Amino acid sequence: MILRVRECAVLLAPETFPWLALAFGLILGSFANVCVHRLPRGQSVVWPASCCPACVAPIRPTDNVPIVGFLALGGFCRNCRQPISLRYPAVEAANGALYFFIAATRGPNWPAFLAMALATALLVLSLIDLEHHLLPDAITLPGIVAGIAASLLPGPPSPLESALAAALGYLGMALVARVARWHYGHEALGQGDWKMVAMLAAFFGGRPTLLVLLLATAAGAAVGLAMIASGRGSRLTRLPLGTFMGMAGLAVLLFGERLLGWYEGLLFFHA
């Protein structure tokens, strides 16, 4: 028991914890890929075991090692030799990098672990919405509950702010969706967007969530204008708001205080 306590102390030391988080992030990045592929299709993320999307052959444990397995196979399925999407190692690497940064900047504590879980959820939601224009309830609804539960821990937001921000975020997006539908004559914001905002608000509270929406809206507008200017889209082109909110949420999660200071400095510059 003494040895185990000492081993845990070494793993959670400031100089080793980020590397442990990186390894764990790579592993969960592999699971994130499973979620991205299966959740939009209504499939279980637990069963069956990982398999090739092309030939459905089970993936060997050694081939399933994050990034290493992809490199060892040369980017092709061992069974059918179909190319493996670069998305798989990219998601693993991105999730690992997120965990490393969070661990290096926050240290081994509960807020860091919660931030890691939220980072993976936002990464998965962003990718699913980008490809399918869908934000699965399997992530957003438990995310709302998890965010409110996390507010019971010391630090902002308080449980009251978390619950109120989630409710107001959901109702506010519902109102915007109704107005947009009246203006455009068709559905502009799906209920998945409402629930994702509620999830973000449950974790962040009011002020950071408003910043997320500002950044997401600005990014979406920039992409939309670029698509119109290049002839690849029009005013009616549907953009994945959940993807922009996910990326903005990650930015606020990683650099929240700096971004809030910059944003509020702009608002009150002339005050």
C-alpha atoms as a PDB file:
ATOM      1  CA  MET A   1       0.000   0.000   0.000  1.00  0.00           C
ATOM      2  CA  ILE A   2       2.859   2.392   0.828  1.00  0.00           C
ATOM      3  CA  LEU A   3       4.426   1.663  -2.558  1.00  0.00           C
ATOM      4  CA  ARG A   4       1.149   2.363  -4.337  1.00  0.00           C
ATOM      5  CA  VAL A   5       0.732   5.675  -2.544  1.00  0.00           C
ATOM      6  CA  ARG A   6       4.270   6.643  -3.491  1.00  0.00           C
ATOM      7  CA  GLU A   7       3.697   5.613  -7.118  1.00  0.00           C
ATOM      8  CA  CYS A   8       0.542   7.748  -7.263  1.00  0.00           C
ATOM      9  CA  ALA A   9       2.432  10.682  -5.797  1.00  0.00           C
ATOM     10  CA  VAL A  10       5.090  10.351  -8.520  1.00  0.00           C
ATOM     11  CA  LEU A  11       2.499  10.112 -11.303  1.00  0.00           C
ATOM     12  CA  LEU A  12       0.655  13.177 -10.016  1.00  0.00           C
ATOM     13  CA  ALA A  13       3.797  15.237  -9.534  1.00  0.00           C
ATOM     14  CA  PRO A  14       3.846  18.483 -11.573  1.00  0.00           C
ATOM     15  CA  GLU A  15       6.649  17.251 -13.828  1.00  0.00           C
ATOM     16  CA  THR A  16       5.048  13.887 -14.644  1.00  0.00           C
ATOM     17  CA  PHE A  17       1.308  14.598 -14.546  1.00  0.00           C
ATOM     18  CA  PRO A  18       1.143  16.299 -17.994  1.00  0.00           C
ATOM     19  CA  TRP A  19       2.768  13.262 -19.623  1.00  0.00           C
ATOM     20  CA  LEU A  20       0.380  10.914 -17.854  1.00  0.00           C
ATOM     21  CA  ALA A  21      -2.476  13.127 -19.047  1.00  0.00           C
ATOM     22  CA  LEU A  22      -1.096  13.028 -22.600  1.00  0.00           C
ATOM     23  CA  ALA A  23      -1.099   9.215 -22.609  1.00  0.00           C
ATOM     24  CA  PHE A  24      -4.605   9.104 -21.157  1.00  0.00           C
ATOM     25  CA  GLY A  25      -5.758  11.724 -23.668  1.00  0.00           C
ATOM     26  CA  LEU A  26      -4.456   9.674 -26.582  1.00  0.00           C
ATOM     27  CA  ILE A  27      -6.356   6.632 -25.336  1.00  0.00           C
ATOM     28  CA  LEU A  28      -9.579   8.574 -24.866  1.00  0.00           C
ATOM     29  CA  GLY A  29      -8.964  10.164 -28.247  1.00  0.00           C
ATOM     30  CA  SER A  30      -9.305   6.688 -29.726  1.00  0.00           C
ATOM     31  CA  PHE A  31     -12.637   6.304 -27.915  1.00  0.00           C
ATOM     32  CA  ALA A  32     -13.654   9.755 -29.173  1.00  0.00           C
ATOM     33  CA  ASN A  33     -13.214   8.448 -32.718  1.00  0.00           C
ATOM     34  CA  VAL A  34     -15.599   5.613 -31.920  1.00  0.00           C
ATOM     35  CA  CYS A  35     -18.162   8.130 -30.645  1.00  0.00           C
ATOM     36  CA  VAL A  36     -17.773  10.343 -33.723  1.00  0.00           C
ATOM     37  CA  HIS A  37     -18.374   7.378 -36.034  1.00  0.00           C
ATOM     38  CA  ARG A  38     -21.103   5.514 -34.153  1.00  0.00           C
ATOM     39  CA  LEU A  39     -23.285   8.022 -32.305  1.00  0.00           C
ATOM     40  CA  PRO A  40     -24.696   9.675 -35.464  1.00  0.00           C
ATOM     41  CA  ARG A  41     -25.581   6.202 -36.725  1.00  0.00           C
ATOM     42  CA  GLY A  42     -27.386   5.228 -33.526  1.00  0.00           C
ATOM     43  CA  GLN A  43     -24.857   2.505 -32.752  1.00  0.00           C
ATOM     44  CA  SER A  44     -23.485   1.459 -29.388  1.00  0.00           C
ATOM     45  CA  VAL A  45     -20.077   2.911 -28.515  1.00  0.00           C
ATOM     46  CA  VAL A  46     -19.351  -0.077 -26.273  1.00  0.00           C
ATOM     47  CA  TRP A  47     -20.229  -3.096 -28.415  1.00  0.00           C
ATOM     48  CA  PRO A  48     -18.973  -4.510 -30.714  1.00  0.00           C
ATOM     49  CA  ALA A  49     -15.262  -3.901 -30.356  1.00  0.00           C
ATOM     50  CA  SER A  50     -13.464  -1.529 -32.723  1.00  0.00           C
ATOM     51  CA  CYS A  51     -13.594  -2.635 -36.341  1.00  0.00           C
ATOM     52  CA  CYS A  52     -12.707  -1.348 -39.798  1.00  0.00           C
ATOM     53  CA  PRO A  53     -15.552   0.837 -41.173  1.00  0.00           C
ATOM     54  CA  ALA A  54     -14.933  -0.587 -44.662  1.00  0.00           C
ATOM     55  CA  CYS A  55     -14.729  -4.375 -44.130  1.00  0.00           C
ATOM     56  CA  VAL A  56     -15.970  -4.590 -40.506  1.00  0.00           C
ATOM     57  CA  ALA A  57     -12.966  -6.757 -39.575  1.00  0.00           C
ATOM     58  CA  PRO A  58     -12.086  -6.509 -35.856  1.00  0.00           C
ATOM     59  CA  ILE A  59      -9.047  -4.345 -35.182  1.00  0.00           C
ATOM     60  CA  ARG A  60      -6.238  -6.084 -33.352  1.00  0.00           C
ATOM     61  CA  PRO A  61      -5.298  -4.608 -29.964  1.00  0.00           C
ATOM     62  CA  THR A  62      -1.788  -3.848 -31.237  1.00  0.00           C
ATOM     63  CA  ASP A  63      -3.217  -2.037 -34.266  1.00  0.00           C
ATOM     64  CA  ASN A  64      -5.506  -0.019 -32.002  1.00  0.00           C
ATOM     65  CA  VAL A  65      -2.695   1.717 -30.116  1.00  0.00           C
ATOM     66  CA  PRO A  66      -3.287   5.459 -30.654  1.00  0.00           C
ATOM     67  CA  ILE A  67      -1.230   6.955 -33.513  1.00  0.00           C
ATOM     68  CA  VAL A  68       1.331   4.134 -33.326  1.00  0.00           C
ATOM     69  CA  GLY A  69      -1.107   1.627 -34.814  1.00  0.00           C
ATOM     70  CA  PHE A  70      -1.915   3.963 -37.700  1.00  0.00           C
ATOM     71  CA  LEU A  71       1.771   4.508 -38.458  1.00  0.00           C
ATOM     72  CA  ALA A  72       2.602   0.802 -38.178  1.00  0.00           C
ATOM     73  CA  LEU A  73      -0.131  -0.058 -40.687  1.00  0.00           C
ATOM     74  CA  GLY A  74       0.991   2.675 -43.062  1.00  0.00           C
ATOM     75  CA  GLY A  75      -2.487   4.179 -42.976  1.00  0.00           C
ATOM     76  CA  PHE A  76      -4.239   1.101 -44.421  1.00  0.00           C
ATOM     77  CA  CYS A  77      -6.507  -1.560 -42.924  1.00  0.00           C
ATOM     78  CA  ARG A  78      -4.597  -4.776 -42.277  1.00  0.00           C
ATOM     79  CA  ASN A  79      -7.458  -6.881 -43.663  1.00  0.00           C
ATOM     80  CA  CYS A  80      -8.948  -5.059 -46.687  1.00  0.00           C
ATOM     81  CA  ARG A  81      -6.125  -2.537 -47.341  1.00  0.00           C
ATOM     82  CA  GLN A  82      -8.587   0.329 -47.573  1.00  0.00           C
ATOM     83  CA  PRO A  83      -7.086   3.649 -46.463  1.00  0.00           C
ATOM     84  CA  ILE A  84      -7.715   4.693 -42.870  1.00  0.00           C
ATOM     85  CA  SER A  85      -8.979   8.250 -42.527  1.00  0.00           C
ATOM     86  CA  LEU A  86      -6.432  10.734 -41.223  1.00  0.00           C
ATOM     87  CA  ARG A  87      -9.159  11.890 -38.868  1.00  0.00           C
ATOM     88  CA  TYR A  88      -8.390   8.996 -36.539  1.00  0.00           C
ATOM     89  CA  PRO A  89      -4.789   9.866 -35.618  1.00  0.00           C
ATOM     90  CA  ALA A  90      -5.636  13.590 -35.810  1.00  0.00           C
ATOM     91  CA  VAL A  91      -8.393  13.263 -33.188  1.00  0.00           C
ATOM     92  CA  GLU A  92      -6.154  11.136 -30.966  1.00  0.00           C
ATOM     93  CA  ALA A  93      -3.347  13.684 -31.215  1.00  0.00           C
ATOM     94  CA  ALA A  94      -5.687  16.633 -30.630  1.00  0.00           C
ATOM     95  CA  ASN A  95      -7.250  15.050 -27.552  1.00  0.00           C
ATOM     96  CA  GLY A  96      -3.829  14.143 -26.183  1.00  0.00           C
ATOM     97  CA  ALA A  97      -2.565  17.687 -26.738  1.00  0.00           C
ATOM     98  CA  LEU A  98      -5.631  19.139 -24.993  1.00  0.00           C
ATOM     99  CA  TYR A  99      -5.091  16.913 -21.964  1.00  0.00           C
ATOM    100  CA  PHE A 100      -1.394  17.768 -21.845  1.00  0.00           C
ATOM    101  CA  PHE A 101      -2.078  21.517 -21.926  1.00  0.00           C
ATOM    102  CA  ILE A 102      -4.805  21.311 -19.285  1.00  0.00           C
ATOM    103  CA  ALA A 103      -2.608  19.196 -17.001  1.00  0.00           C
ATOM    104  CA  ALA A 104       0.400  21.482 -17.467  1.00  0.00           C
ATOM    105  CA  THR A 105      -1.561  24.649 -16.708  1.00  0.00           C
ATOM    106  CA  ARG A 106      -3.923  23.427 -13.973  1.00  0.00           C
ATOM    107  CA  GLY A 107      -2.122  20.609 -12.209  1.00  0.00           C
ATOM    108  CA  PRO A 108      -3.615  17.403 -10.769  1.00  0.00           C
ATOM    109  CA  ASN A 109      -6.980  18.491  -9.345  1.00  0.00           C
ATOM    110  CA  TRP A 110     -10.675  17.916  -9.926  1.00  0.00           C
ATOM    111  CA  PRO A 111     -11.181  21.035 -12.086  1.00  0.00           C
ATOM    112  CA  ALA A 112      -8.457  19.748 -14.421  1.00  0.00           C
ATOM    113  CA  PHE A 113     -10.094  16.334 -14.746  1.00  0.00           C
ATOM    114  CA  LEU A 114     -13.477  17.956 -15.427  1.00  0.00           C
ATOM    115  CA  ALA A 115     -11.880  20.233 -18.017  1.00  0.00           C
ATOM    116  CA  MET A 116     -10.412  17.193 -19.768  1.00  0.00           C
ATOM    117  CA  ALA A 117     -13.789  15.463 -19.912  1.00  0.00           C
ATOM    118  CA  LEU A 118     -15.430  18.619 -21.266  1.00  0.00           C
ATOM    119  CA  ALA A 119     -12.665  19.042 -23.856  1.00  0.00           C
ATOM    120  CA  THR A 120     -13.292  15.544 -25.239  1.00  0.00           C
ATOM    121  CA  ALA A 121     -17.056  16.112 -25.299  1.00  0.00           C
ATOM    122  CA  LEU A 122     -16.630  19.387 -27.212  1.00  0.00           C
ATOM    123  CA  LEU A 123     -14.217  17.777 -29.651  1.00  0.00           C
ATOM    124  CA  VAL A 124     -16.657  14.948 -30.377  1.00  0.00           C
ATOM    125  CA  LEU A 125     -19.647  17.277 -30.726  1.00  0.00           C
ATOM    126  CA  SER A 126     -17.712  19.574 -33.061  1.00  0.00           C
ATOM    127  CA  LEU A 127     -16.754  16.752 -35.401  1.00  0.00           C
ATOM    128  CA  ILE A 128     -20.192  15.122 -35.442  1.00  0.00           C
ATOM    129  CA  ASP A 129     -21.931  18.409 -36.201  1.00  0.00           C
ATOM    130  CA  LEU A 130     -19.395  19.235 -38.900  1.00  0.00           C
ATOM    131  CA  GLU A 131     -20.132  15.996 -40.755  1.00  0.00           C
ATOM    132  CA  HIS A 132     -23.761  15.252 -39.899  1.00  0.00           C
ATOM    133  CA  HIS A 133     -25.290  18.552 -38.681  1.00  0.00           C
ATOM    134  CA  LEU A 134     -26.257  16.668 -35.527  1.00  0.00           C
ATOM    135  CA  LEU A 135     -25.552  17.141 -31.820  1.00  0.00           C
ATOM    136  CA  PRO A 136     -26.419  13.861 -30.060  1.00  0.00           C
ATOM    137  CA  ASP A 137     -28.488  13.939 -26.877  1.00  0.00           C
ATOM    138  CA  ALA A 138     -26.235  11.140 -25.624  1.00  0.00           C
ATOM    139  CA  ILE A 139     -23.579  13.812 -25.007  1.00  0.00           C
ATOM    140  CA  THR A 140     -25.442  17.085 -24.454  1.00  0.00           C
ATOM    141  CA  LEU A 141     -28.040  15.902 -21.921  1.00  0.00           C
ATOM    142  CA  PRO A 142     -25.592  14.063 -19.613  1.00  0.00           C
ATOM    143  CA  GLY A 143     -23.285  17.050 -20.152  1.00  0.00           C
ATOM    144  CA  ILE A 144     -25.878  19.419 -18.689  1.00  0.00           C
ATOM    145  CA  VAL A 145     -26.283  17.209 -15.628  1.00  0.00           C
ATOM    146  CA  ALA A 146     -22.514  16.814 -15.265  1.00  0.00           C
ATOM    147  CA  GLY A 147     -21.970  20.570 -15.512  1.00  0.00           C
ATOM    148  CA  ILE A 148     -24.521  21.332 -12.778  1.00  0.00           C
ATOM    149  CA  ALA A 149     -23.097  18.537 -10.608  1.00  0.00           C
ATOM    150  CA  ALA A 150     -19.566  19.886 -11.124  1.00  0.00           C
ATOM    151  CA  SER A 151     -20.697  23.276  -9.832  1.00  0.00           C
ATOM    152  CA  LEU A 152     -21.022  21.676  -6.386  1.00  0.00           C
ATOM    153  CA  LEU A 153     -17.228  21.611  -6.227  1.00  0.00           C
ATOM    154  CA  PRO A 154     -15.380  24.730  -5.001  1.00  0.00           C
ATOM    155  CA  GLY A 155     -14.943  27.454  -7.607  1.00  0.00           C
ATOM    156  CA  PRO A 156     -17.128  29.141 -10.193  1.00  0.00           C
ATOM    157  CA  PRO A 157     -19.815  28.797 -11.266  1.00  0.00           C
ATOM    158  CA  SER A 158     -21.995  28.303  -8.195  1.00  0.00           C
ATOM    159  CA  PRO A 159     -24.770  25.685  -8.385  1.00  0.00           C
ATOM    160  CA  LEU A 160     -27.382  28.441  -8.686  1.00  0.00           C
ATOM    161  CA  GLU A 161     -25.515  30.211 -11.498  1.00  0.00           C
ATOM    162  CA  SER A 162     -24.873  26.913 -13.283  1.00  0.00           C
ATOM    163  CA  ALA A 163     -28.531  25.879 -13.222  1.00  0.00           C
ATOM    164  CA  LEU A 164     -29.842  29.344 -14.116  1.00  0.00           C
ATOM    165  CA  ALA A 165     -27.311  29.812 -16.915  1.00  0.00           C
ATOM    166  CA  ALA A 166     -28.202  26.410 -18.381  1.00  0.00           C
ATOM    167  CA  ALA A 167     -31.930  27.170 -18.272  1.00  0.00           C
ATOM    168  CA  LEU A 168     -31.546  30.674 -19.688  1.00  0.00           C
ATOM    169  CA  GLY A 169     -29.138  29.456 -22.356  1.00  0.00           C
ATOM    170  CA  TYR A 170     -31.602  26.817 -23.512  1.00  0.00           C
ATOM    171  CA  LEU A 171     -34.595  29.176 -23.479  1.00  0.00           C
ATOM    172  CA  GLY A 172     -32.615  31.978 -25.105  1.00  0.00           C
ATOM    173  CA  MET A 173     -31.530  29.751 -27.978  1.00  0.00           C
ATOM    174  CA  ALA A 174     -35.096  28.461 -28.332  1.00  0.00           C
ATOM    175  CA  LEU A 175     -36.309  32.052 -28.690  1.00  0.00           C
ATOM    176  CA  VAL A 176     -33.602  32.855 -31.257  1.00  0.00           C
ATOM    177  CA  ALA A 177     -34.573  29.707 -33.180  1.00  0.00           C
ATOM    178  CA  ARG A 178     -38.230  30.746 -33.261  1.00  0.00           C
ATOM    179  CA  VAL A 179     -37.354  34.220 -34.531  1.00  0.00           C
ATOM    180  CA  ALA A 180     -34.948  32.787 -37.122  1.00  0.00           C
ATOM    181  CA  ARG A 181     -37.571  30.338 -38.349  1.00  0.00           C
ATOM    182  CA  TRP A 182     -40.071  33.180 -38.733  1.00  0.00           C
ATOM    183  CA  HIS A 183     -37.516  35.287 -40.598  1.00  0.00           C
ATOM    184  CA  TYR A 184     -36.074  32.638 -42.914  1.00  0.00           C
ATOM    185  CA  GLY A 185     -39.162  30.480 -43.281  1.00  0.00           C
ATOM    186  CA  HIS A 186     -37.373  27.286 -42.263  1.00  0.00           C
ATOM    187  CA  GLU A 187     -35.556  25.725 -39.312  1.00  0.00           C
ATOM    188  CA  ALA A 188     -32.310  27.615 -38.630  1.00  0.00           C
ATOM    189  CA  LEU A 189     -31.265  26.342 -35.188  1.00  0.00           C
ATOM    190  CA  GLY A 190     -31.945  22.753 -34.187  1.00  0.00           C
ATOM    191  CA  GLN A 191     -32.720  21.716 -30.620  1.00  0.00           C
ATOM    192  CA  GLY A 192     -29.261  20.180 -30.425  1.00  0.00           C
ATOM    193  CA  ASP A 193     -27.833  23.701 -30.499  1.00  0.00           C
ATOM    194  CA  TRP A 194     -30.099  24.729 -27.610  1.00  0.00           C
ATOM    195  CA  LYS A 195     -28.939  21.774 -25.527  1.00  0.00           C
ATOM    196  CA  MET A 196     -25.281  22.345 -26.331  1.00  0.00           C
ATOM    197  CA  VAL A 197     -25.539  25.950 -25.145  1.00  0.00           C
ATOM    198  CA  ALA A 198     -27.203  24.695 -21.955  1.00  0.00           C
ATOM    199  CA  MET A 199     -24.338  22.234 -21.457  1.00  0.00           C
ATOM    200  CA  LEU A 200     -21.721  24.946 -21.942  1.00  0.00           C
ATOM    201  CA  ALA A 201     -23.593  27.274 -19.581  1.00  0.00           C
ATOM    202  CA  ALA A 202     -23.833  24.553 -16.929  1.00  0.00           C
ATOM    203  CA  PHE A 203     -20.045  24.163 -16.964  1.00  0.00           C
ATOM    204  CA  PHE A 204     -18.993  27.770 -17.542  1.00  0.00           C
ATOM    205  CA  GLY A 205     -21.713  29.965 -16.081  1.00  0.00           C
ATOM    206  CA  GLY A 206     -23.131  33.073 -17.707  1.00  0.00           C
ATOM    207  CA  ARG A 207     -20.257  35.360 -18.702  1.00  0.00           C
ATOM    208  CA  PRO A 208     -18.000  32.750 -20.334  1.00  0.00           C
ATOM    209  CA  THR A 209     -20.965  31.269 -22.220  1.00  0.00           C
ATOM    210  CA  LEU A 210     -21.788  34.660 -23.704  1.00  0.00           C
ATOM    211  CA  LEU A 211     -18.173  34.863 -24.853  1.00  0.00           C
ATOM    212  CA  VAL A 212     -18.457  31.400 -26.420  1.00  0.00           C
ATOM    213  CA  LEU A 213     -21.523  32.523 -28.366  1.00  0.00           C
ATOM    214  CA  LEU A 214     -19.794  35.710 -29.483  1.00  0.00           C
ATOM    215  CA  LEU A 215     -16.728  33.830 -30.734  1.00  0.00           C
ATOM    216  CA  ALA A 216     -18.822  31.109 -32.396  1.00  0.00           C
ATOM    217  CA  THR A 217     -21.072  33.634 -34.121  1.00  0.00           C
ATOM    218  CA  ALA A 218     -18.100  35.678 -35.340  1.00  0.00           C
ATOM    219  CA  ALA A 219     -16.345  32.574 -36.666  1.00  0.00           C
ATOM    220  CA  GLY A 220     -19.512  31.341 -38.356  1.00  0.00           C
ATOM    221  CA  ALA A 221     -20.118  34.729 -39.963  1.00  0.00           C
ATOM    222  CA  ALA A 222     -16.525  34.863 -41.227  1.00  0.00           C
ATOM    223  CA  VAL A 223     -16.772  31.387 -42.743  1.00  0.00           C
ATOM    224  CA  GLY A 224     -20.168  32.158 -44.265  1.00  0.00           C
ATOM    225  CA  LEU A 225     -18.948  35.375 -45.869  1.00  0.00           C
ATOM    226  CA  ALA A 226     -15.867  33.595 -47.202  1.00  0.00           C
ATOM    227  CA  MET A 227     -18.041  30.883 -48.750  1.00  0.00           C
ATOM    228  CA  ILE A 228     -20.298  33.480 -50.386  1.00  0.00           C
ATOM    229  CA  ALA A 229     -17.320  35.468 -51.695  1.00  0.00           C
ATOM    230  CA  SER A 230     -15.744  32.319 -53.160  1.00  0.00           C
ATOM    231  CA  GLY A 231     -19.008  31.142 -54.726  1.00  0.00           C
ATOM    232  CA  ARG A 232     -19.143  28.015 -52.549  1.00  0.00           C
ATOM    233  CA  GLY A 233     -22.225  29.053 -50.634  1.00  0.00           C
ATOM    234  CA  SER A 234     -25.094  31.486 -50.294  1.00  0.00           C
ATOM    235  CA  ARG A 235     -27.064  33.235 -47.559  1.00  0.00           C
ATOM    236  CA  LEU A 236     -29.094  30.040 -47.200  1.00  0.00           C
ATOM    237  CA  THR A 237     -26.101  27.719 -46.780  1.00  0.00           C
ATOM    238  CA  ARG A 238     -26.442  25.857 -43.496  1.00  0.00           C
ATOM    239  CA  LEU A 239     -23.375  26.047 -41.270  1.00  0.00           C
ATOM    240  CA  PRO A 240     -22.633  23.744 -38.308  1.00  0.00           C
ATOM    241  CA  LEU A 241     -23.101  26.121 -35.364  1.00  0.00           C
ATOM    242  CA  GLY A 242     -22.256  23.295 -32.967  1.00  0.00           C
ATOM    243  CA  THR A 243     -18.801  23.018 -34.527  1.00  0.00           C
ATOM    244  CA  PHE A 244     -18.157  26.731 -34.027  1.00  0.00           C
ATOM    245  CA  MET A 245     -19.482  26.569 -30.456  1.00  0.00           C
ATOM    246  CA  GLY A 246     -17.294  23.557 -29.766  1.00  0.00           C
ATOM    247  CA  MET A 247     -14.157  25.298 -30.983  1.00  0.00           C
ATOM    248  CA  ALA A 248     -15.074  28.496 -29.128  1.00  0.00           C
ATOM    249  CA  GLY A 249     -15.818  26.453 -26.017  1.00  0.00           C
ATOM    250  CA  LEU A 250     -12.363  24.890 -26.192  1.00  0.00           C
ATOM    251  CA  ALA A 251     -10.802  28.340 -26.549  1.00  0.00           C
ATOM    252  CA  VAL A 252     -12.657  29.594 -23.463  1.00  0.00           C
ATOM    253  CA  LEU A 253     -11.840  26.393 -21.574  1.00  0.00           C
ATOM    254  CA  LEU A 254      -8.117  26.813 -22.247  1.00  0.00           C
ATOM    255  CA  PHE A 255      -7.758  30.599 -22.213  1.00  0.00           C
ATOM    256  CA  GLY A 256     -10.918  31.752 -20.471  1.00  0.00           C
ATOM    257  CA  GLU A 257      -9.528  34.427 -18.164  1.00  0.00           C
ATOM    258  CA  ARG A 258      -7.413  36.060 -20.869  1.00  0.00           C
ATOM    259  CA  LEU A 259     -10.251  36.023 -23.395  1.00  0.00           C
ATOM    260  CA  LEU A 260     -12.739  37.387 -20.864  1.00  0.00           C
ATOM    261  CA  GLY A 261     -10.332  40.166 -19.941  1.00  0.00           C
ATOM    262  CA  TRP A 262      -9.888  41.068 -23.595  1.00  0.00           C
ATOM    263  CA  TYR A 263     -13.615  40.893 -24.339  1.00  0.00           C
ATOM    264  CA  GLU A 264     -14.721  42.914 -21.328  1.00  0.00           C
ATOM    265  CA  GLY A 265     -11.918  45.383 -21.979  1.00  0.00           C
ATOM    266  CA  LEU A 266     -13.438  46.049 -25.404  1.00  0.00           C
ATOM    267  CA  LEU A 267     -16.916  46.468 -23.945  1.00  0.00           C
ATOM    268  CA  PHE A 268     -15.859  48.899 -21.237  1.00  0.00           C
ATOM    269  CA  PHE A 269     -12.984  50.584 -23.030  1.00  0.00           C
ATOM    270  CA  HIS A 270     -14.792  53.908 -23.032  1.00  0.00           C
ATOM    271  CA  ALA A 271     -16.274  53.538 -19.580  1.00  0.00           C
END
